[in-house]
Amino acid sequence: ILSIGFLIASIVPTARFAQPVGAIILYPMIAVSGLFVPVESFPPVLHA
């Protein structure tokens, strides 16, 4: 996951937007990671 951080840091131009952009990208991933709801029960698009 740190490698994603490097990719985000490579694209985000300033420190002012770094953490908000990172949070917007990473935290929603937790919701669709299968932790709360099994991935198999997701709709086809969300499953993909």
All heavy atoms as atom14 arrays in JSON, in Angstrom:
{
  "sequence": "ILSIGFLIASIVPTARFAQPVGAIILYPMIAVSGLFVPVESFPPVLHA",
  "atom14_mask": [
    [1, 1, 1, 1, 1, 1, 1, 1, 0, 0, 0, 0, 0, 0],
    [1, 1, 1, 1, 1, 1, 1, 1, 0, 0, 0, 0, 0, 0],
    [1, 1, 1, 1, 1, 1, 0, 0, 0, 0, 0, 0, 0, 0],
    [1, 1, 1, 1, 1, 1, 1, 1, 0, 0, 0, 0, 0, 0],
    [1, 1, 1, 1, 0, 0, 0, 0, 0, 0, 0, 0, 0, 0],
    [1, 1, 1, 1, 1, 1, 1, 1, 1, 1, 1, 0, 0, 0],
    [1, 1, 1, 1, 1, 1, 1, 1, 0, 0, 0, 0, 0, 0],
    [1, 1, 1, 1, 1, 1, 1, 1, 0, 0, 0, 0, 0, 0],
    [1, 1, 1, 1, 1, 0, 0, 0, 0, 0, 0, 0, 0, 0],
    [1, 1, 1, 1, 1, 1, 0, 0, 0, 0, 0, 0, 0, 0],
    [1, 1, 1, 1, 1, 1, 1, 1, 0, 0, 0, 0, 0, 0],
    [1, 1, 1, 1, 1, 1, 1, 0, 0, 0, 0, 0, 0, 0],
    [1, 1, 1, 1, 1, 1, 1, 0, 0, 0, 0, 0, 0, 0],
    [1, 1, 1, 1, 1, 1, 1, 0, 0, 0, 0, 0, 0, 0],
    [1, 1, 1, 1, 1, 0, 0, 0, 0, 0, 0, 0, 0, 0],
    [1, 1, 1, 1, 1, 1, 1, 1, 1, 1, 1, 0, 0, 0],
    [1, 1, 1, 1, 1, 1, 1, 1, 1, 1, 1, 0, 0, 0],
    [1, 1, 1, 1, 1, 0, 0, 0, 0, 0, 0, 0, 0, 0],
    [1, 1, 1, 1, 1, 1, 1, 1, 1, 0, 0, 0, 0, 0],
    [1, 1, 1, 1, 1, 1, 1, 0, 0, 0, 0, 0, 0, 0],
    [1, 1, 1, 1, 1, 1, 1, 0, 0, 0, 0, 0, 0, 0],
    [1, 1, 1, 1, 0, 0, 0, 0, 0, 0, 0, 0, 0, 0],
    [1, 1, 1, 1, 1, 0, 0, 0, 0, 0, 0, 0, 0, 0],
    [1, 1, 1, 1, 1, 1, 1, 1, 0, 0, 0, 0, 0, 0],
    [1, 1, 1, 1, 1, 1, 1, 1, 0, 0, 0, 0, 0, 0],
    [1, 1, 1, 1, 1, 1, 1, 1, 0, 0, 0, 0, 0, 0],
    [1, 1, 1, 1, 1, 1, 1, 1, 1, 1, 1, 1, 0, 0],
    [1, 1, 1, 1, 1, 1, 1, 0, 0, 0, 0, 0, 0, 0],
    [1, 1, 1, 1, 1, 1, 1, 1, 0, 0, 0, 0, 0, 0],
    [1, 1, 1, 1, 1, 1, 1, 1, 0, 0, 0, 0, 0, 0],
    [1, 1, 1, 1, 1, 0, 0, 0, 0, 0, 0, 0, 0, 0],
    [1, 1, 1, 1, 1, 1, 1, 0, 0, 0, 0, 0, 0, 0],
    [1, 1, 1, 1, 1, 1, 0, 0, 0, 0, 0, 0, 0, 0],
    [1, 1, 1, 1, 0, 0, 0, 0, 0, 0, 0, 0, 0, 0],
    [1, 1, 1, 1, 1, 1, 1, 1, 0, 0, 0, 0, 0, 0],
    [1, 1, 1, 1, 1, 1, 1, 1, 1, 1, 1, 0, 0, 0],
    [1, 1, 1, 1, 1, 1, 1, 0, 0, 0, 0, 0, 0, 0],
    [1, 1, 1, 1, 1, 1, 1, 0, 0, 0, 0, 0, 0, 0],
    [1, 1, 1, 1, 1, 1, 1, 0, 0, 0, 0, 0, 0, 0],
    [1, 1, 1, 1, 1, 1, 1, 1, 1, 0, 0, 0, 0, 0],
    [1, 1, 1, 1, 1, 1, 0, 0, 0, 0, 0, 0, 0, 0],
    [1, 1, 1, 1, 1, 1, 1, 1, 1, 1, 1, 0, 0, 0],
    [1, 1, 1, 1, 1, 1, 1, 0, 0, 0, 0, 0, 0, 0],
    [1, 1, 1, 1, 1, 1, 1, 0, 0, 0, 0, 0, 0, 0],
    [1, 1, 1, 1, 1, 1, 1, 0, 0, 0, 0, 0, 0, 0],
    [1, 1, 1, 1, 1, 1, 1, 1, 0, 0, 0, 0, 0, 0],
    [1, 1, 1, 1, 1, 1, 1, 1, 1, 1, 0, 0, 0, 0],
    [1, 1, 1, 1, 1, 0, 0, 0, 0, 0, 0, 0, 0, 0]
  ],
  "atom14_positions": [
    [[0.83, -1.2, 0.0], [0.0, 0.0, 0.0], [0.86, 1.25, 0.0], [0.46, 2.29, -0.54], [-0.96, -0.03, 1.2], [-1.89, -1.25, 1.11], [-1.82, 1.22, 1.25], [-2.72, -1.5, 2.34], [0.0, 0.0, 0.0], [0.0, 0.0, 0.0], [0.0, 0.0, 0.0], [0.0, 0.0, 0.0], [0.0, 0.0, 0.0], [0.0, 0.0, 0.0]],
    [[2.06, 1.18, 0.58], [2.98, 2.32, 0.55], [3.34, 2.71, -0.88], [3.59, 3.88, -1.17], [4.25, 2.01, 1.34], [4.19, 2.2, 2.85], [5.47, 1.68, 3.51], [3.97, 3.66, 3.23], [0.0, 0.0, 0.0], [0.0, 0.0, 0.0], [0.0, 0.0, 0.0], [0.0, 0.0, 0.0], [0.0, 0.0, 0.0], [0.0, 0.0, 0.0]],
    [[3.37, 1.71, -1.77], [3.69, 2.02, -3.17], [2.61, 2.9, -3.78], [2.89, 3.73, -4.66], [3.85, 0.72, -3.98], [2.64, 0.0, -4.06], [0.0, 0.0, 0.0], [0.0, 0.0, 0.0], [0.0, 0.0, 0.0], [0.0, 0.0, 0.0], [0.0, 0.0, 0.0], [0.0, 0.0, 0.0], [0.0, 0.0, 0.0], [0.0, 0.0, 0.0]],
    [[1.35, 2.74, -3.33], [0.29, 3.63, -3.77], [0.55, 5.04, -3.26], [0.33, 6.04, -3.96], [-1.09, 3.14, -3.29], [-1.38, 1.74, -3.82], [-2.2, 4.1, -3.7], [-2.68, 1.17, -3.34], [0.0, 0.0, 0.0], [0.0, 0.0, 0.0], [0.0, 0.0, 0.0], [0.0, 0.0, 0.0], [0.0, 0.0, 0.0], [0.0, 0.0, 0.0]],
    [[1.06, 5.11, -2.03], [1.4, 6.4, -1.46], [2.45, 7.13, -2.28], [2.35, 8.35, -2.5], [0.0, 0.0, 0.0], [0.0, 0.0, 0.0], [0.0, 0.0, 0.0], [0.0, 0.0, 0.0], [0.0, 0.0, 0.0], [0.0, 0.0, 0.0], [0.0, 0.0, 0.0], [0.0, 0.0, 0.0], [0.0, 0.0, 0.0], [0.0, 0.0, 0.0]],
    [[3.45, 6.39, -2.75], [4.48, 7.0, -3.59], [3.88, 7.51, -4.89], [4.25, 8.58, -5.39], [5.59, 6.0, -3.9], [6.69, 6.0, -2.88], [7.08, 4.83, -2.26], [7.32, 7.17, -2.53], [8.08, 4.83, -1.32], [8.34, 7.19, -1.59], [8.71, 6.01, -0.97], [0.0, 0.0, 0.0], [0.0, 0.0, 0.0], [0.0, 0.0, 0.0]],
    [[2.94, 6.75, -5.44], [2.31, 7.18, -6.68], [1.48, 8.45, -6.47], [1.51, 9.38, -7.28], [1.42, 6.05, -7.22], [0.83, 6.25, -8.62], [1.92, 6.52, -9.66], [0.0, 5.03, -9.03], [0.0, 0.0, 0.0], [0.0, 0.0, 0.0], [0.0, 0.0, 0.0], [0.0, 0.0, 0.0], [0.0, 0.0, 0.0], [0.0, 0.0, 0.0]],
    [[0.76, 8.49, -5.34], [-0.03, 9.69, -5.02], [0.9, 10.88, -4.81], [0.66, 11.98, -5.31], [-0.9, 9.45, -3.77], [-1.93, 8.35, -4.03], [-1.6, 10.74, -3.35], [-2.7, 7.92, -2.8], [0.0, 0.0, 0.0], [0.0, 0.0, 0.0], [0.0, 0.0, 0.0], [0.0, 0.0, 0.0], [0.0, 0.0, 0.0], [0.0, 0.0, 0.0]],
    [[1.98, 10.66, -4.06], [2.94, 11.73, -3.78], [3.62, 12.22, -5.05], [4.03, 13.37, -5.13], [3.99, 11.25, -2.78], [0.0, 0.0, 0.0], [0.0, 0.0, 0.0], [0.0, 0.0, 0.0], [0.0, 0.0, 0.0], [0.0, 0.0, 0.0], [0.0, 0.0, 0.0], [0.0, 0.0, 0.0], [0.0, 0.0, 0.0], [0.0, 0.0, 0.0]],
    [[3.73, 11.35, -6.03], [4.35, 11.73, -7.29], [3.45, 12.65, -8.11], [3.94, 13.44, -8.93], [4.68, 10.48, -8.12], [5.54, 9.62, -7.41], [0.0, 0.0, 0.0], [0.0, 0.0, 0.0], [0.0, 0.0, 0.0], [0.0, 0.0, 0.0], [0.0, 0.0, 0.0], [0.0, 0.0, 0.0], [0.0, 0.0, 0.0], [0.0, 0.0, 0.0]],
    [[2.14, 12.54, -7.89], [1.18, 13.28, -8.71], [0.7, 14.55, -8.03], [0.58, 15.6, -8.66], [-0.02, 12.37, -9.05], [0.45, 11.17, -9.86], [-1.09, 13.15, -9.81], [-0.63, 10.12, -10.07], [0.0, 0.0, 0.0], [0.0, 0.0, 0.0], [0.0, 0.0, 0.0], [0.0, 0.0, 0.0], [0.0, 0.0, 0.0], [0.0, 0.0, 0.0]],
    [[0.44, 14.47, -6.72], [-0.09, 15.63, -5.98], [0.98, 16.71, -5.93], [2.09, 16.47, -5.47], [-0.51, 15.22, -4.56], [-0.99, 16.43, -3.78], [-1.61, 14.17, -4.62], [0.0, 0.0, 0.0], [0.0, 0.0, 0.0], [0.0, 0.0, 0.0], [0.0, 0.0, 0.0], [0.0, 0.0, 0.0], [0.0, 0.0, 0.0], [0.0, 0.0, 0.0]],
    [[0.67, 17.93, -6.36], [1.68, 18.97, -6.48], [2.12, 19.59, -5.17], [3.29, 19.94, -5.0], [1.02, 20.01, -7.39], [-0.45, 19.82, -7.16], [-0.64, 18.37, -6.89], [0.0, 0.0, 0.0], [0.0, 0.0, 0.0], [0.0, 0.0, 0.0], [0.0, 0.0, 0.0], [0.0, 0.0, 0.0], [0.0, 0.0, 0.0], [0.0, 0.0, 0.0]],
    [[1.2, 19.77, -4.2], [1.54, 20.48, -2.98], [1.12, 19.7, -1.75], [0.24, 18.84, -1.79], [0.84, 21.86, -2.94], [-0.58, 21.67, -2.9], [1.2, 22.69, -4.17], [0.0, 0.0, 0.0], [0.0, 0.0, 0.0], [0.0, 0.0, 0.0], [0.0, 0.0, 0.0], [0.0, 0.0, 0.0], [0.0, 0.0, 0.0], [0.0, 0.0, 0.0]],
    [[1.76, 20.04, -0.62], [1.45, 19.38, 0.65], [0.05, 19.71, 1.13], [-0.57, 18.94, 1.87], [2.47, 19.81, 1.7], [0.0, 0.0, 0.0], [0.0, 0.0, 0.0], [0.0, 0.0, 0.0], [0.0, 0.0, 0.0], [0.0, 0.0, 0.0], [0.0, 0.0, 0.0], [0.0, 0.0, 0.0], [0.0, 0.0, 0.0], [0.0, 0.0, 0.0]],
    [[-0.47, 20.83, 0.7], [-1.8, 21.27, 1.12], [-2.89, 20.29, 0.71], [-3.88, 20.1, 1.42], [-2.06, 22.63, 0.49], [-3.32, 23.3, 0.9], [-3.32, 24.69, 0.33], [-4.59, 25.31, 0.38], [-4.84, 26.5, -0.15], [-3.88, 27.13, -0.76], [-6.03, 27.03, -0.07], [0.0, 0.0, 0.0], [0.0, 0.0, 0.0], [0.0, 0.0, 0.0]],
    [[-2.7, 19.65, -0.45], [-3.72, 18.73, -0.95], [-3.32, 17.26, -0.77], [-4.12, 16.38, -1.09], [-3.98, 18.99, -2.43], [-4.51, 20.36, -2.72], [-3.68, 21.34, -3.23], [-5.84, 20.68, -2.47], [-4.16, 22.62, -3.48], [-6.32, 21.95, -2.72], [-5.48, 22.92, -3.23], [0.0, 0.0, 0.0], [0.0, 0.0, 0.0], [0.0, 0.0, 0.0]],
    [[-2.11, 17.01, -0.29], [-1.6, 15.64, -0.26], [-2.46, 14.72, 0.6], [-2.94, 13.67, 0.14], [-0.16, 15.65, 0.23], [0.0, 0.0, 0.0], [0.0, 0.0, 0.0], [0.0, 0.0, 0.0], [0.0, 0.0, 0.0], [0.0, 0.0, 0.0], [0.0, 0.0, 0.0], [0.0, 0.0, 0.0], [0.0, 0.0, 0.0], [0.0, 0.0, 0.0]],
    [[-2.65, 15.09, 1.87], [-3.38, 14.2, 2.77], [-4.85, 14.08, 2.41], [-5.4, 12.97, 2.43], [-3.21, 14.65, 4.22], [-3.62, 13.58, 5.23], [-2.99, 13.81, 6.58], [-2.58, 14.9, 6.89], [-2.91, 12.76, 7.39], [0.0, 0.0, 0.0], [0.0, 0.0, 0.0], [0.0, 0.0, 0.0], [0.0, 0.0, 0.0], [0.0, 0.0, 0.0]],
    [[-5.57, 15.18, 2.08], [-6.97, 15.01, 1.66], [-7.13, 14.12, 0.44], [-8.03, 13.27, 0.4], [-7.41, 16.45, 1.36], [-6.52, 17.31, 2.16], [-5.2, 16.6, 2.18], [0.0, 0.0, 0.0], [0.0, 0.0, 0.0], [0.0, 0.0, 0.0], [0.0, 0.0, 0.0], [0.0, 0.0, 0.0], [0.0, 0.0, 0.0], [0.0, 0.0, 0.0]],
    [[-6.26, 14.29, -0.56], [-6.34, 13.44, -1.76], [-6.07, 11.99, -1.39], [-6.76, 11.07, -1.85], [-5.35, 13.94, -2.83], [-5.26, 12.93, -3.97], [-5.77, 15.29, -3.37], [0.0, 0.0, 0.0], [0.0, 0.0, 0.0], [0.0, 0.0, 0.0], [0.0, 0.0, 0.0], [0.0, 0.0, 0.0], [0.0, 0.0, 0.0], [0.0, 0.0, 0.0]],
    [[-5.05, 11.78, -0.56], [-4.74, 10.41, -0.13], [-5.89, 9.78, 0.62], [-6.21, 8.6, 0.41], [0.0, 0.0, 0.0], [0.0, 0.0, 0.0], [0.0, 0.0, 0.0], [0.0, 0.0, 0.0], [0.0, 0.0, 0.0], [0.0, 0.0, 0.0], [0.0, 0.0, 0.0], [0.0, 0.0, 0.0], [0.0, 0.0, 0.0], [0.0, 0.0, 0.0]],
    [[-6.52, 10.54, 1.5], [-7.65, 10.01, 2.28], [-8.84, 9.69, 1.38], [-9.5, 8.65, 1.56], [-8.05, 11.03, 3.35], [0.0, 0.0, 0.0], [0.0, 0.0, 0.0], [0.0, 0.0, 0.0], [0.0, 0.0, 0.0], [0.0, 0.0, 0.0], [0.0, 0.0, 0.0], [0.0, 0.0, 0.0], [0.0, 0.0, 0.0], [0.0, 0.0, 0.0]],
    [[-9.11, 10.56, 0.41], [-10.22, 10.33, -0.51], [-10.0, 9.05, -1.33], [-10.94, 8.32, -1.65], [-10.4, 11.54, -1.44], [-10.94, 12.73, -0.65], [-11.34, 11.22, -2.6], [-10.98, 14.03, -1.44], [0.0, 0.0, 0.0], [0.0, 0.0, 0.0], [0.0, 0.0, 0.0], [0.0, 0.0, 0.0], [0.0, 0.0, 0.0], [0.0, 0.0, 0.0]],
    [[-8.74, 8.76, -1.65], [-8.43, 7.57, -2.44], [-8.43, 6.31, -1.59], [-8.98, 5.27, -1.99], [-7.08, 7.74, -3.15], [-7.17, 8.84, -4.21], [-6.62, 6.43, -3.79], [-5.83, 9.17, -4.86], [0.0, 0.0, 0.0], [0.0, 0.0, 0.0], [0.0, 0.0, 0.0], [0.0, 0.0, 0.0], [0.0, 0.0, 0.0], [0.0, 0.0, 0.0]],
    [[-7.85, 6.38, -0.39], [-7.59, 5.18, 0.39], [-8.76, 4.74, 1.28], [-9.1, 3.56, 1.33], [-6.34, 5.37, 1.24], [-5.02, 5.45, 0.46], [-3.88, 5.86, 1.38], [-4.7, 4.09, -0.17], [0.0, 0.0, 0.0], [0.0, 0.0, 0.0], [0.0, 0.0, 0.0], [0.0, 0.0, 0.0], [0.0, 0.0, 0.0], [0.0, 0.0, 0.0]],
    [[-9.38, 5.68, 1.99], [-10.41, 5.27, 2.95], [-11.63, 4.61, 2.3], [-12.16, 3.63, 2.86], [-10.82, 6.46, 3.82], [-9.86, 6.73, 4.95], [-9.18, 7.93, 5.06], [-9.6, 5.75, 5.91], [-8.28, 8.17, 6.1], [-8.71, 5.98, 6.95], [-8.05, 7.19, 7.04], [-7.16, 7.41, 8.06], [0.0, 0.0, 0.0], [0.0, 0.0, 0.0]],
    [[-12.12, 5.1, 1.14], [-13.22, 4.37, 0.5], [-12.88, 2.93, 0.13], [-13.77, 2.09, 0.01], [-13.51, 5.22, -0.75], [-13.06, 6.58, -0.4], [-11.84, 6.38, 0.45], [0.0, 0.0, 0.0], [0.0, 0.0, 0.0], [0.0, 0.0, 0.0], [0.0, 0.0, 0.0], [0.0, 0.0, 0.0], [0.0, 0.0, 0.0], [0.0, 0.0, 0.0]],
    [[-11.59, 2.66, -0.07], [-11.19, 1.29, -0.39], [-11.57, 0.32, 0.72], [-11.87, -0.85, 0.47], [-9.68, 1.21, -0.63], [-9.2, 1.87, -1.9], [-7.43, 1.52, -2.13], [-7.07, 2.59, -3.53], [0.0, 0.0, 0.0], [0.0, 0.0, 0.0], [0.0, 0.0, 0.0], [0.0, 0.0, 0.0], [0.0, 0.0, 0.0], [0.0, 0.0, 0.0]],
    [[-11.52, 0.81, 1.97], [-11.86, -0.07, 3.11], [-13.3, -0.55, 3.01], [-13.62, -1.7, 3.34], [-11.62, 0.67, 4.43], [-10.13, 1.03, 4.57], [-12.06, -0.17, 5.62], [-9.79, 1.79, 5.84], [0.0, 0.0, 0.0], [0.0, 0.0, 0.0], [0.0, 0.0, 0.0], [0.0, 0.0, 0.0], [0.0, 0.0, 0.0], [0.0, 0.0, 0.0]],
    [[-14.2, 0.34, 2.53], [-15.62, -0.01, 2.45], [-15.9, -1.14, 1.47], [-16.84, -1.92, 1.65], [-16.44, 1.22, 2.07], [0.0, 0.0, 0.0], [0.0, 0.0, 0.0], [0.0, 0.0, 0.0], [0.0, 0.0, 0.0], [0.0, 0.0, 0.0], [0.0, 0.0, 0.0], [0.0, 0.0, 0.0], [0.0, 0.0, 0.0], [0.0, 0.0, 0.0]],
    [[-15.08, -1.23, 0.4], [-15.32, -2.26, -0.62], [-14.24, -3.33, -0.61], [-14.05, -4.06, -1.58], [-15.4, -1.62, -2.03], [-16.61, -0.73, -2.13], [-14.13, -0.85, -2.36], [0.0, 0.0, 0.0], [0.0, 0.0, 0.0], [0.0, 0.0, 0.0], [0.0, 0.0, 0.0], [0.0, 0.0, 0.0], [0.0, 0.0, 0.0], [0.0, 0.0, 0.0]],
    [[-13.53, -3.45, 0.52], [-12.43, -4.41, 0.6], [-12.89, -5.81, 1.0], [-12.1, -6.75, 1.0], [-11.39, -3.91, 1.61], [-11.96, -3.85, 2.92], [0.0, 0.0, 0.0], [0.0, 0.0, 0.0], [0.0, 0.0, 0.0], [0.0, 0.0, 0.0], [0.0, 0.0, 0.0], [0.0, 0.0, 0.0], [0.0, 0.0, 0.0], [0.0, 0.0, 0.0]],
    [[-14.16, -5.94, 1.38], [-14.66, -7.23, 1.85], [-14.59, -7.38, 3.36], [-14.92, -8.44, 3.9], [0.0, 0.0, 0.0], [0.0, 0.0, 0.0], [0.0, 0.0, 0.0], [0.0, 0.0, 0.0], [0.0, 0.0, 0.0], [0.0, 0.0, 0.0], [0.0, 0.0, 0.0], [0.0, 0.0, 0.0], [0.0, 0.0, 0.0], [0.0, 0.0, 0.0]],
    [[-14.2, -6.32, 4.06], [-14.1, -6.39, 5.51], [-15.48, -6.4, 6.16], [-15.74, -7.16, 7.09], [-13.28, -5.2, 6.03], [-13.13, -5.1, 7.55], [-12.43, -6.34, 8.11], [-12.35, -3.84, 7.91], [0.0, 0.0, 0.0], [0.0, 0.0, 0.0], [0.0, 0.0, 0.0], [0.0, 0.0, 0.0], [0.0, 0.0, 0.0], [0.0, 0.0, 0.0]],
    [[-16.38, -5.55, 5.68], [-17.72, -5.44, 6.27], [-18.75, -6.28, 5.53], [-19.65, -6.84, 6.15], [-18.16, -3.97, 6.27], [-17.2, -3.05, 6.97], [-16.35, -2.23, 6.25], [-17.14, -3.02, 8.35], [-15.46, -1.39, 6.89], [-16.26, -2.17, 9.01], [-15.41, -1.36, 8.28], [0.0, 0.0, 0.0], [0.0, 0.0, 0.0], [0.0, 0.0, 0.0]],
    [[-18.63, -6.33, 4.21], [-19.56, -7.11, 3.37], [-18.73, -7.97, 2.44], [-17.76, -7.48, 1.84], [-20.47, -6.16, 2.54], [-21.42, -6.97, 1.67], [-21.24, -5.22, 3.46], [0.0, 0.0, 0.0], [0.0, 0.0, 0.0], [0.0, 0.0, 0.0], [0.0, 0.0, 0.0], [0.0, 0.0, 0.0], [0.0, 0.0, 0.0], [0.0, 0.0, 0.0]],
    [[-19.05, -9.26, 2.3], [-18.28, -10.13, 1.39], [-18.25, -9.58, -0.03], [-19.27, -9.09, -0.54], [-19.04, -11.47, 1.45], [-19.73, -11.44, 2.77], [-20.1, -10.01, 3.02], [0.0, 0.0, 0.0], [0.0, 0.0, 0.0], [0.0, 0.0, 0.0], [0.0, 0.0, 0.0], [0.0, 0.0, 0.0], [0.0, 0.0, 0.0], [0.0, 0.0, 0.0]],
    [[-17.09, -9.64, -0.66], [-16.92, -9.12, -2.01], [-17.86, -9.83, -2.98], [-18.37, -9.23, -3.93], [-15.45, -9.28, -2.47], [-15.29, -8.88, -3.93], [-14.54, -8.45, -1.59], [0.0, 0.0, 0.0], [0.0, 0.0, 0.0], [0.0, 0.0, 0.0], [0.0, 0.0, 0.0], [0.0, 0.0, 0.0], [0.0, 0.0, 0.0], [0.0, 0.0, 0.0]],
    [[-18.12, -11.11, -2.74], [-18.96, -11.9, -3.64], [-20.39, -11.38, -3.7], [-21.11, -11.64, -4.67], [-18.97, -13.37, -3.2], [-17.64, -14.08, -3.37], [-16.61, -13.68, -2.34], [-17.01, -13.09, -1.3], [-15.41, -13.93, -2.56], [0.0, 0.0, 0.0], [0.0, 0.0, 0.0], [0.0, 0.0, 0.0], [0.0, 0.0, 0.0], [0.0, 0.0, 0.0]],
    [[-20.82, -10.65, -2.67], [-22.2, -10.15, -2.64], [-22.35, -8.79, -3.31], [-23.47, -8.28, -3.41], [-22.69, -10.06, -1.19], [-21.93, -9.11, -0.46], [0.0, 0.0, 0.0], [0.0, 0.0, 0.0], [0.0, 0.0, 0.0], [0.0, 0.0, 0.0], [0.0, 0.0, 0.0], [0.0, 0.0, 0.0], [0.0, 0.0, 0.0], [0.0, 0.0, 0.0]],
    [[-21.25, -8.21, -3.79], [-21.32, -6.91, -4.45], [-21.94, -7.03, -5.84], [-21.87, -8.09, -6.46], [-19.93, -6.3, -4.6], [-19.31, -5.84, -3.3], [-17.94, -5.75, -3.17], [-20.1, -5.47, -2.22], [-17.36, -5.32, -1.99], [-19.54, -5.04, -1.04], [-18.16, -4.97, -0.92], [0.0, 0.0, 0.0], [0.0, 0.0, 0.0], [0.0, 0.0, 0.0]],
    [[-22.53, -5.94, -6.35], [-22.98, -5.92, -7.75], [-21.78, -6.12, -8.67], [-20.63, -5.88, -8.27], [-23.57, -4.51, -7.91], [-23.89, -4.07, -6.52], [-22.89, -4.71, -5.63], [0.0, 0.0, 0.0], [0.0, 0.0, 0.0], [0.0, 0.0, 0.0], [0.0, 0.0, 0.0], [0.0, 0.0, 0.0], [0.0, 0.0, 0.0], [0.0, 0.0, 0.0]],
    [[-22.0, -6.57, -9.92], [-20.89, -6.88, -10.83], [-19.86, -5.76, -10.98], [-18.65, -6.02, -10.95], [-21.61, -7.16, -12.16], [-22.96, -7.64, -11.75], [-23.31, -6.89, -10.51], [0.0, 0.0, 0.0], [0.0, 0.0, 0.0], [0.0, 0.0, 0.0], [0.0, 0.0, 0.0], [0.0, 0.0, 0.0], [0.0, 0.0, 0.0], [0.0, 0.0, 0.0]],
    [[-20.32, -4.53, -11.12], [-19.38, -3.42, -11.31], [-18.52, -3.22, -10.06], [-17.29, -3.09, -10.14], [-20.14, -2.11, -11.63], [-19.16, -0.93, -11.7], [-20.88, -2.25, -12.96], [0.0, 0.0, 0.0], [0.0, 0.0, 0.0], [0.0, 0.0, 0.0], [0.0, 0.0, 0.0], [0.0, 0.0, 0.0], [0.0, 0.0, 0.0], [0.0, 0.0, 0.0]],
    [[-19.15, -3.21, -8.89], [-18.42, -3.01, -7.64], [-17.5, -4.19, -7.35], [-16.4, -4.03, -6.8], [-19.4, -2.81, -6.49], [-18.9, -2.02, -5.28], [-18.38, -0.66, -5.71], [-20.01, -1.88, -4.25], [0.0, 0.0, 0.0], [0.0, 0.0, 0.0], [0.0, 0.0, 0.0], [0.0, 0.0, 0.0], [0.0, 0.0, 0.0], [0.0, 0.0, 0.0]],
    [[-17.96, -5.39, -7.73], [-17.13, -6.58, -7.56], [-15.87, -6.48, -8.41], [-14.77, -6.82, -7.96], [-17.94, -7.82, -7.94], [-17.2, -9.11, -7.73], [-16.36, -9.65, -8.68], [-17.17, -9.96, -6.67], [-15.85, -10.77, -8.23], [-16.31, -10.98, -7.01], [0.0, 0.0, 0.0], [0.0, 0.0, 0.0], [0.0, 0.0, 0.0], [0.0, 0.0, 0.0]],
    [[-16.01, -5.99, -9.63], [-14.85, -5.83, -10.52], [-13.88, -4.79, -9.96], [-12.65, -4.96, -10.03], [-15.32, -5.43, -11.91], [0.0, 0.0, 0.0], [0.0, 0.0, 0.0], [0.0, 0.0, 0.0], [0.0, 0.0, 0.0], [0.0, 0.0, 0.0], [0.0, 0.0, 0.0], [0.0, 0.0, 0.0], [0.0, 0.0, 0.0], [0.0, 0.0, 0.0]]
  ]
}
